[in-house]
Protein backbone atom coordinates (compact mmCIF):
# COMPACT_ATOMS: atom_id res chain seq x y z
CA MET A 1 0.02 -0.26 0.23
CA ILE A 2 3.14 2.55 0.92
CA ALA A 3 4.55 1.41 -2.07
CA CYS A 4 1.48 2.08 -4.21
CA ILE A 5 0.82 5.53 -2.71
CA THR A 6 4.44 6.69 -3.29
CA ALA A 7 4.12 5.56 -6.98
CA GLY A 8 1.02 7.85 -6.64
CA VAL A 9 -1.42 5.07 -7.69
CA LEU A 10 -3.95 3.53 -5.16
CA THR A 11 -5.47 0.40 -5.26
CA ILE A 12 -8.94 -0.05 -3.60
CA HIS A 13 -10.74 -3.55 -4.07
CA GLY A 14 -8.61 -4.51 -6.65
CA ALA A 15 -9.26 -1.49 -8.43
CA ASN A 16 -6.68 1.17 -9.67
CA ILE A 17 -7.86 4.79 -9.16
CA LEU A 18 -5.41 7.12 -10.82
CA PRO A 19 -5.38 10.82 -8.42
CA THR A 20 -6.30 13.76 -10.65
CA SER A 21 -3.19 15.84 -9.74
CA TYR A 22 -0.20 15.05 -7.70
CA VAL A 23 0.83 17.67 -4.85
CA SER A 24 4.22 17.14 -3.24
CA ALA A 25 5.99 19.40 -0.58
CA ASP A 26 8.23 22.02 -1.41
CA LYS A 27 11.69 21.56 -0.71
CA ALA A 28 13.59 23.73 1.77
CA ASP A 29 16.59 25.25 -0.25
CA VAL A 30 18.88 25.38 3.27
CA SER A 31 17.80 22.90 6.11
CA ILE A 32 20.35 23.66 9.25
CA ARG A 33 19.74 22.23 12.83
CA THR A 34 20.60 23.91 15.75
CA TRP A 35 20.67 21.69 18.84
CA TYR A 36 21.62 21.90 22.24
CA SER A 37 21.28 19.75 25.08
CA GLY A 38 18.48 21.58 27.15
CA SER A 39 19.02 21.21 31.21
CA THR A 40 21.30 18.07 30.99
CA ILE A 41 23.66 19.57 33.71
CA LYS A 42 22.89 17.51 36.85
CA VAL A 43 23.23 19.95 39.78
CA PRO A 44 21.04 20.90 42.89
CA GLU A 45 17.98 23.16 42.13
CA LEU A 46 17.95 26.14 44.50
CA LYS A 47 14.31 27.78 44.89
CA PRO A 48 14.53 31.69 45.27
CA ALA A 49 13.59 33.27 48.57
CA TRP A 50 11.02 35.38 46.73
CA THR A 51 9.85 36.78 43.48
CA LEU A 52 8.66 40.45 42.52
CA ARG A 53 6.71 41.67 39.60
CA VAL A 54 8.70 44.71 38.29
CA ASP A 55 8.03 47.00 35.22
CA SER A 56 10.38 45.32 32.46
CA GLY A 57 12.03 47.22 29.75
CA LEU A 58 14.16 44.01 28.39
CA VAL A 59 13.73 43.97 24.53
CA GLU A 60 16.40 41.75 22.62
CA GLN A 61 18.90 44.31 21.15
CA SER A 62 17.21 47.28 22.58
CA GLN A 63 19.28 50.10 22.88
CA ASP A 64 17.61 51.03 25.75
CA THR A 65 19.54 52.90 28.57
CA GLY A 66 17.02 52.27 31.07
CA VAL A 67 17.98 50.04 34.45
CA GLN A 68 15.43 47.77 35.56
CA ALA A 69 16.95 47.22 39.07
CA ILE A 70 20.29 48.03 41.04
CA ALA A 71 21.28 46.47 44.65
CA GLU A 72 23.26 48.08 47.24
CA GLU A 73 23.74 47.81 51.30
CA GLY A 74 21.23 44.75 51.48
CA LYS A 75 18.44 46.22 49.54
CA VAL A 76 17.04 46.22 46.12
CA PHE A 77 16.04 49.14 43.95
CA ALA A 78 13.51 48.64 41.02
CA PHE A 79 10.64 49.88 39.10
CA SER A 80 7.08 48.43 39.67
CA GLY A 81 3.76 50.15 38.72
CA ASN A 82 5.85 53.16 37.63
CA LYS A 83 7.19 53.90 40.90
CA LEU A 84 10.89 53.44 42.20
CA ILE A 85 10.34 50.59 44.92
CA ALA A 86 12.92 49.61 47.72
CA VAL A 87 13.01 46.04 49.00
CA ASP A 88 15.12 43.75 51.48
CA ALA A 89 17.37 42.02 49.38
CA GLN A 90 16.84 38.84 52.20
CA THR A 91 13.05 38.74 52.19
CA GLY A 92 12.15 40.79 49.37
CA LYS A 93 9.53 43.03 51.33
CA GLN A 94 8.95 46.24 50.33
CA LEU A 95 10.70 49.02 52.46
CA TRP A 96 9.36 52.07 50.39
CA SER A 97 8.26 53.70 47.38
CA TYR A 98 8.55 56.84 45.49
CA GLY A 99 6.97 58.54 42.62
CA ASN A 100 3.53 59.12 41.36
CA GLY A 101 1.88 57.74 37.93
CA SER A 102 4.69 57.29 34.96
CA HIS A 103 6.60 60.56 35.95
CA LEU A 104 9.95 58.44 36.37
CA ASN A 105 12.51 57.40 33.92
CA PRO A 106 13.98 53.88 34.60
CA ILE A 107 17.51 55.50 35.15
CA ILE A 108 19.20 55.06 38.70
CA THR A 109 22.32 55.03 40.20
CA TYR A 110 23.54 54.32 43.86
CA ASP A 111 26.34 56.42 45.90
CA GLN A 112 27.26 56.74 49.40
CA GLY A 113 23.68 56.13 50.58
CA ILE A 114 21.68 58.18 48.15
CA ILE A 115 19.49 56.98 45.00
CA TYR A 116 20.35 59.29 42.13
CA GLY A 117 17.51 59.17 39.43
CA MET A 118 15.72 60.84 36.56
CA THR A 119 12.36 62.03 35.80
CA THR A 120 10.37 61.98 32.44
CA ASP A 121 10.92 65.29 31.94
CA LYS A 122 14.98 64.86 32.66
CA LYS A 123 15.45 66.38 35.63
CA PRO A 124 17.59 64.64 38.27
CA TYR A 125 16.65 63.72 41.97
CA ALA A 126 18.23 62.53 44.81
CA LEU A 127 16.49 60.17 47.44
CA HIS A 128 17.77 58.78 51.02
CA ALA A 129 18.23 55.07 50.08
CA LYS A 130 16.87 54.22 54.00
CA THR A 131 13.73 56.02 53.50
CA GLY A 132 13.10 56.88 49.85
CA LYS A 133 12.57 60.55 51.36
CA LEU A 134 13.62 63.34 48.55
CA LYS A 135 16.77 65.19 49.36
CA TRP A 136 16.30 67.29 46.29
CA GLN A 137 14.57 67.35 43.09
CA ALA A 138 16.65 69.71 40.24
CA GLN A 139 14.96 72.54 38.42
CA SER A 140 17.14 72.17 35.38
CA SER A 141 16.43 69.54 32.47
CA THR A 142 18.87 67.60 30.73
CA TYR A 143 16.85 67.56 27.63
CA VAL A 144 18.27 67.37 24.52
CA ASP A 145 16.12 67.39 21.14
CA ALA A 146 17.47 64.60 19.61
CA GLY A 147 16.79 60.71 19.03
CA GLU A 148 17.85 58.32 20.96
CA ARG A 149 21.11 58.96 22.71
CA THR A 150 23.17 57.55 24.93
CA GLU A 151 22.07 58.39 28.73
CA ALA A 152 23.89 58.11 32.00
CA LEU A 153 23.95 59.76 35.84
CA ILE A 154 27.65 59.51 37.34
CA PRO A 155 27.88 60.65 40.98
CA THR A 156 31.44 61.64 42.23
CA SER A 157 32.66 63.22 45.45
CA ASP A 158 30.64 66.30 44.95
CA THR A 159 29.14 66.08 41.46
CA LEU A 160 26.34 64.64 40.04
CA TYR A 161 27.18 64.23 36.47
CA ALA A 162 24.05 63.47 33.56
CA ILE A 163 25.04 62.67 30.01
CA ASN A 164 22.51 62.78 27.29
CA GLY A 165 24.25 62.21 23.94
CA SER A 166 26.95 64.70 23.43
CA THR A 167 26.05 67.00 26.16
CA THR A 168 27.36 66.72 29.94
CA PHE A 169 25.70 68.30 32.67
CA ALA A 170 27.00 69.03 36.35
CA PHE A 171 25.03 69.17 38.95
CA ASP A 172 25.69 69.85 42.84
CA LYS A 173 25.78 66.95 44.27
CA SER A 174 23.91 68.31 47.96
CA SER A 175 21.69 70.66 46.46
CA GLY A 176 20.76 69.47 42.55
CA LYS A 177 21.64 72.75 41.32
CA LEU A 178 23.01 72.82 37.79
CA LYS A 179 26.47 74.17 37.94
CA TRP A 180 27.36 73.90 34.27
CA LYS A 181 26.96 72.23 30.94
CA ALA A 182 28.97 71.44 27.73
CA ASP A 183 28.16 70.32 24.66
CA GLU A 184 30.67 68.65 21.91
CA GLY A 185 29.12 69.95 18.69
CA LYS A 186 31.16 68.23 16.10
CA ALA A 187 29.84 65.31 17.51
CA GLU A 188 26.04 66.01 17.08
CA GLY A 189 25.10 63.95 19.89
CA ASN A 190 27.18 60.84 19.44
CA GLY A 191 29.07 60.54 23.00
CA THR A 192 29.60 57.54 25.18
CA ALA A 193 29.34 56.85 28.55
CA TYR A 194 32.30 57.43 29.67
CA LEU A 195 33.33 60.11 32.18
CA GLU A 196 36.25 60.44 34.39
CA GLU A 197 37.08 63.00 36.92
CA ALA A 198 40.82 63.66 38.32
CA ASP A 199 42.42 66.63 40.15
CA GLY A 200 39.69 69.48 38.72
CA VAL A 201 39.60 68.06 35.25
CA VAL A 202 36.59 65.94 33.71
CA LEU A 203 37.26 63.83 30.68
CA ARG A 204 34.84 62.56 28.08
CA THR A 205 34.79 60.88 24.87
CA PHE A 206 32.75 61.44 21.29
CA PHE A 207 32.25 59.78 18.27
CA VAL A 208 33.23 62.79 15.58
CA GLN A 209 32.51 62.38 12.46
CA GLY A 210 34.26 63.96 9.46
CA ALA A 211 36.50 62.54 6.20
CA LEU A 212 37.36 59.54 8.80
CA THR A 213 34.78 59.27 12.03
CA SER A 214 36.95 58.61 15.29
CA ILE A 215 36.44 58.85 19.08
CA GLN A 216 37.65 62.17 20.58
CA LEU A 217 38.96 62.48 23.94
CA ASN A 218 38.13 66.11 25.24
CA ALA A 219 38.74 67.95 28.70
CA TYR A 220 36.78 70.21 30.88
CA ASP A 221 37.68 72.32 33.57
CA LYS A 222 35.51 70.54 37.01
CA LYS A 223 34.21 74.26 38.51
CA THR A 224 33.24 75.79 35.08
CA GLY A 225 32.65 73.13 31.95
CA LYS A 226 35.03 75.15 30.17
CA GLU A 227 36.76 73.20 27.41
CA LEU A 228 40.73 72.77 27.86
CA TRP A 229 41.82 71.14 25.26
CA GLU A 230 40.65 67.99 22.92
CA ASP A 231 42.43 65.49 20.39
CA PHE A 232 40.72 63.68 17.79
CA GLY A 233 41.61 60.04 17.41
CA GLN A 234 42.19 59.68 21.30
CA GLY A 235 39.72 57.19 23.39
CA ASP A 236 39.38 56.59 27.19
CA ALA A 237 41.97 56.76 29.43
CA LEU A 238 43.88 54.06 30.11
CA LYS A 239 45.43 55.66 33.38
CA ILE A 240 45.90 58.96 34.77
CA GLN A 241 49.02 59.47 37.02
CA ASP A 242 51.43 62.56 38.22
CA GLY A 243 49.03 65.08 36.20
CA ILE A 244 49.42 62.82 32.72
CA VAL A 245 46.96 61.34 31.09
CA TYR A 246 47.80 58.13 29.15
CA SER A 247 45.27 57.41 25.51
CA ILE A 248 45.59 55.25 22.80
CA ASP A 249 45.52 56.88 19.31
CA TYR A 250 42.93 55.31 17.31
CA PHE A 251 43.15 57.32 14.52
CA SER A 252 46.80 56.93 13.00
CA PRO A 253 46.06 53.01 12.34
CA MET A 254 43.14 54.16 10.13
CA LEU A 255 45.97 55.89 7.87
CA THR A 256 47.58 52.56 7.21
CA ASP A 257 47.06 50.19 4.42
CA TYR A 258 46.82 47.39 7.05
CA GLN A 259 45.50 44.75 4.14
CA SER A 260 48.67 44.69 2.55
CA LEU A 261 51.32 45.17 5.57
CA PRO A 262 51.85 42.83 8.46
CA ASP A 263 53.23 45.44 10.61
CA ARG A 264 50.83 46.08 13.45
CA LYS A 265 51.37 48.63 16.40
CA VAL A 266 49.20 50.19 19.45
CA ILE A 267 50.26 53.76 19.87
CA VAL A 268 49.81 55.11 23.42
CA ASN A 269 49.88 58.97 23.90
CA ALA A 270 50.86 60.71 26.84
CA PHE A 271 49.25 64.24 27.35
CA ASN A 272 49.52 67.04 30.18
CA LEU A 273 46.24 66.61 31.87
CA LYS A 274 45.32 70.15 32.43
CA THR A 275 46.55 71.83 28.75
CA GLY A 276 46.31 68.78 26.77
CA VAL A 277 49.99 69.42 25.46
CA LYS A 278 51.68 65.91 24.44
CA LYS A 279 54.39 64.83 26.49
CA GLY A 280 55.68 61.82 24.75
CA SER A 281 53.99 58.55 22.63
CA ARG A 282 54.58 54.84 23.36
CA GLU A 283 54.36 52.04 20.44
CA TYR A 284 53.81 48.42 21.11
CA MET A 285 55.06 46.96 17.63
CA TRP A 286 54.58 43.34 16.16
CA LYS A 287 53.96 41.47 12.97
CA LEU A 288 51.26 39.07 11.63
CA ALA A 289 51.86 35.79 10.39
CA GLY A 290 50.99 34.65 7.18
CA GLU A 291 50.39 36.14 3.74
CA PRO A 292 48.25 39.48 2.46
CA PRO A 293 45.05 40.27 2.58
CA TYR A 294 45.86 40.86 6.11
CA SER A 295 43.07 41.65 8.74
CA TYR A 296 41.94 45.12 9.44
CA HIS A 297 41.76 44.77 13.19
CA SER A 298 45.00 46.05 15.20
CA GLY A 299 44.46 44.77 18.51
CA ASP A 300 42.92 45.92 21.59
CA ALA A 301 44.62 46.66 24.46
CA TYR A 302 43.75 46.29 28.37
CA LEU A 303 45.27 47.82 31.39
CA ALA A 304 44.72 45.73 34.69
CA GLY A 305 47.67 47.30 37.43
CA ASP A 306 50.61 47.71 36.02
CA LYS A 307 50.33 45.18 33.12
CA LEU A 308 49.01 46.10 29.81
CA TYR A 309 47.72 43.37 27.89
CA ILE A 310 47.38 43.58 23.83
CA GLU A 311 46.08 41.52 21.22
CA GLN A 312 48.35 40.83 18.79
CA GLY A 313 46.89 38.27 15.99
CA ASP A 314 46.48 35.01 17.77
CA LYS A 315 48.41 36.02 21.03
CA VAL A 316 48.06 38.43 23.97
CA ALA A 317 51.34 39.98 24.70
CA VAL A 318 51.97 41.39 28.37
CA TYR A 319 53.86 44.49 28.94
CA ASN A 320 54.84 46.01 31.92
CA PHE A 321 53.24 49.60 31.67
CA ASN A 322 55.28 51.45 34.18
CA SER A 323 58.57 50.36 32.81
CA TYR A 324 58.22 51.22 28.93
CA LYS A 325 61.38 51.13 26.98
CA ALA A 326 61.16 51.84 22.83
CA GLY A 327 61.54 48.79 20.91
CA GLU A 328 61.26 46.27 23.68
CA GLY A 329 59.63 43.20 23.67
CA PRO A 330 56.60 42.05 25.67
CA LEU A 331 56.93 40.22 29.04
CA ARG A 332 55.42 37.36 27.83
CA SER A 333 52.90 36.47 25.26
CA LEU A 334 49.54 34.11 25.81
CA GLN A 335 47.97 32.04 23.30
CA ARG A 336 44.66 33.18 22.73
CA PRO A 337 41.91 30.77 22.99
CA ASP A 338 40.27 29.56 19.87
CA GLY A 339 42.46 32.06 17.69
CA ASP A 340 41.67 35.70 17.11
CA SER A 341 37.99 35.47 16.91
CA LEU A 342 37.40 36.46 20.86
CA ASP A 343 36.62 39.69 22.64
CA MET A 344 38.90 40.31 25.37
CA LEU A 345 37.25 41.13 28.69
CA GLY A 346 39.89 41.60 31.46
CA VAL A 347 41.49 39.78 34.07
CA VAL A 348 39.69 37.81 37.21
CA GLN A 349 41.06 35.67 39.76
CA GLU A 350 44.30 35.23 37.55
CA ARG A 351 42.32 34.57 34.50
CA LEU A 352 42.49 36.66 31.08
CA LEU A 353 38.78 36.39 30.19
CA PHE A 354 37.38 36.42 26.58
CA LYS A 355 33.79 36.09 25.03
CA ASP A 356 33.39 34.06 22.04
CA ALA A 357 31.33 34.32 19.32
CA THR A 358 28.31 32.16 21.09
CA GLY A 359 28.64 34.70 23.93
CA ASN A 360 30.15 32.24 26.44
CA LEU A 361 33.04 32.84 28.85
CA VAL A 362 36.22 31.37 28.09
CA GLY A 363 39.86 32.31 29.57
CA VAL A 364 43.56 31.31 29.87
CA LYS A 365 45.38 31.02 33.43
CA LEU A 366 48.05 33.76 33.77
CA ALA A 367 50.21 31.31 35.51
CA ASN A 368 50.66 28.78 32.81
CA GLY A 369 48.59 29.82 29.55
CA GLN A 370 46.19 26.88 29.96
CA ARG A 371 42.92 27.23 28.33
CA VAL A 372 39.76 27.44 30.53
CA GLY A 373 35.94 27.77 29.96
CA TRP A 374 32.72 27.86 31.59
CA TYR A 375 29.79 26.49 30.05
CA GLY A 376 26.23 25.82 30.64
CA ASP A 377 23.63 23.85 28.71
CA ALA A 378 21.83 26.37 26.57
CA PRO A 379 22.59 29.59 24.66
CA VAL A 380 23.76 32.22 26.91
CA ALA A 381 21.17 35.53 27.83
CA HIS A 382 23.72 37.17 30.78
CA ILE A 383 27.13 36.20 32.49
CA ASP A 384 28.03 38.20 35.44
CA VAL A 385 31.72 37.23 37.22
CA TYR A 386 31.53 37.83 41.27
CA GLY A 387 35.28 36.48 42.03
CA ASN A 388 34.94 32.96 42.47
CA GLU A 389 31.37 33.05 41.26
CA ILE A 390 29.82 32.78 38.05
CA TYR A 391 26.17 33.51 37.37
CA MET A 392 25.11 32.55 33.48
CA ALA A 393 21.46 33.57 32.85
CA GLN A 394 20.61 31.16 29.68
CA ARG A 395 17.67 31.36 27.06
CA ASN A 396 16.28 28.21 28.04
CA GLY A 397 14.31 29.79 31.44
CA THR A 398 17.19 28.61 33.85
CA LEU A 399 20.35 30.35 35.43
CA LEU A 400 23.23 28.04 36.42
CA GLY A 401 25.97 29.02 39.33
CA ILE A 402 29.36 28.35 38.23
CA HIS A 403 32.28 28.18 40.22
CA MET A 404 35.22 29.89 38.69
CA MET A 405 38.20 28.03 39.73
CA THR A 406 36.70 24.59 39.24
CA SER A 407 35.08 25.25 36.00
CA LYS A 408 32.03 23.13 37.66
CA PRO A 409 28.40 24.14 38.00
CA VAL A 410 27.37 24.37 41.40
CA PHE A 411 23.48 24.92 41.12
CA ARG A 412 20.62 26.05 39.26
CA VAL A 413 17.43 28.28 39.27
CA LYS A 414 14.31 27.92 37.40
CA THR A 415 14.06 31.43 35.74
CA GLY A 416 11.14 30.79 33.16
CA ALA A 417 12.67 33.70 31.06
CA ASP A 418 14.08 34.01 27.84
CA LEU A 419 16.03 37.22 28.32
CA HIS A 420 17.66 38.30 31.32
CA GLU A 421 19.59 41.80 32.66
CA ALA A 422 22.78 41.42 34.83
CA THR A 423 22.62 39.31 37.86
CA LEU A 424 23.06 41.63 40.87
CA LYS A 425 24.69 40.62 44.52
CA THR A 426 24.19 42.19 47.60
CA ASN A 427 24.38 40.98 51.18
CA GLY A 428 24.57 37.47 50.42
CA MET A 429 22.06 37.14 48.00
CA ILE A 430 21.81 37.39 44.01
CA ILE A 431 19.22 39.07 42.37
CA ILE A 432 18.13 37.62 39.10
CA GLN A 433 16.62 39.91 36.64
CA ALA A 434 14.09 38.19 34.32
CA GLU A 435 11.61 39.54 32.12
CA GLY A 436 9.08 41.73 33.99
CA ARG A 437 10.37 40.01 37.58
CA LEU A 438 13.17 39.99 40.41
CA MET A 439 14.17 36.51 42.15
CA GLY A 440 16.35 36.45 45.31
CA VAL A 441 18.46 33.44 46.12
CA LYS A 442 20.75 33.35 48.59
CA VAL A 443 24.33 32.27 47.37
CA PRO A 444 25.15 28.87 48.35
CA ALA A 445 28.92 28.13 50.77
CA THR A 446 29.62 25.88 47.93
CA MET A 447 30.09 28.87 45.73
CA GLN A 448 32.68 30.62 47.52
């Protein structure tokens, strides 16, 4: 019978019946199966101590700069019902709420017992973290008539800086009074979230467009907001020491024919912090292996303490930043795991960490260059590292707790969510940020 059907002929009671038409299924031009094992790692499942519904701003690949929650001093601060609330991190009990209706933007930060936020009309405010009582509400708005921009609140010792695109606003931290604002017009709203304050100078970076588009480093007087100097092509400060700013030159490599030449270098320029006068330059050089055409990528750099890590093809070279000598080679070189396709993240627990193309975390041990990896059992939504603790939120609705030093999963929590924000930690609790809810979970001793 099956053979007859396949041939297009059906036999019933000895009679041959030919179908009037023959319909076949369309064949896919390309068929790819992406498979993962699901929840196959066998570890204890922990139950949240509490779960809280919150306003969710999580959207895949969204550029939204809002914050779903932060955790500080044993409390969790989040938005629920368009109000800012504080809950006890151990119990999930609500401690206070602030705001009426929808007049608060989901942008908050914490510093020295104070929560700083932003209203929908772009006016900063300050609350006492313990009580939720208003300390001040700024009268000046940081509104900029433009589209989607980088927004951030950055508190320092006596100033609250508000970033909106290429404009910087400086508010008195104790009163909320606007001291000054400054805009980099050439950036046309394209500013980064980088801001650093040192010795009465405020540093910021912007993306400036021209014949060639590049990052630009600006310096402002902290008291007045007057621009002191700028340098096109320079990035965030690697280090500020003894009145000198060290910054990577990103512009010069753009003028090199990298496809035909194997020669590479990272240039670190040194500027007087207050005047911008160039005090010196360092060149860390190497050659790529193989034949042209070569990669355009010139290598990222990361400074940890006095060690400068520079990606050099399939290696990472390590230099002593405090004792530079022209033409001197690196202290050592580490093999990059999986070649040159990874993003360097930094150093944690004597391990140089990278993110691979799938979002997983891999690394090399600084002691011996051995490759290490930390893996779950589903695609990754978000990974956060706290010393020995790695929290891997996955897109199969679970979060894994993994021990950094052993690379072994320790526990699992069911979140029921696809997307996750950063896993927070305070007072022995982790706060899982799933879509539309927070979960408080006590960190087991086995994670230490």
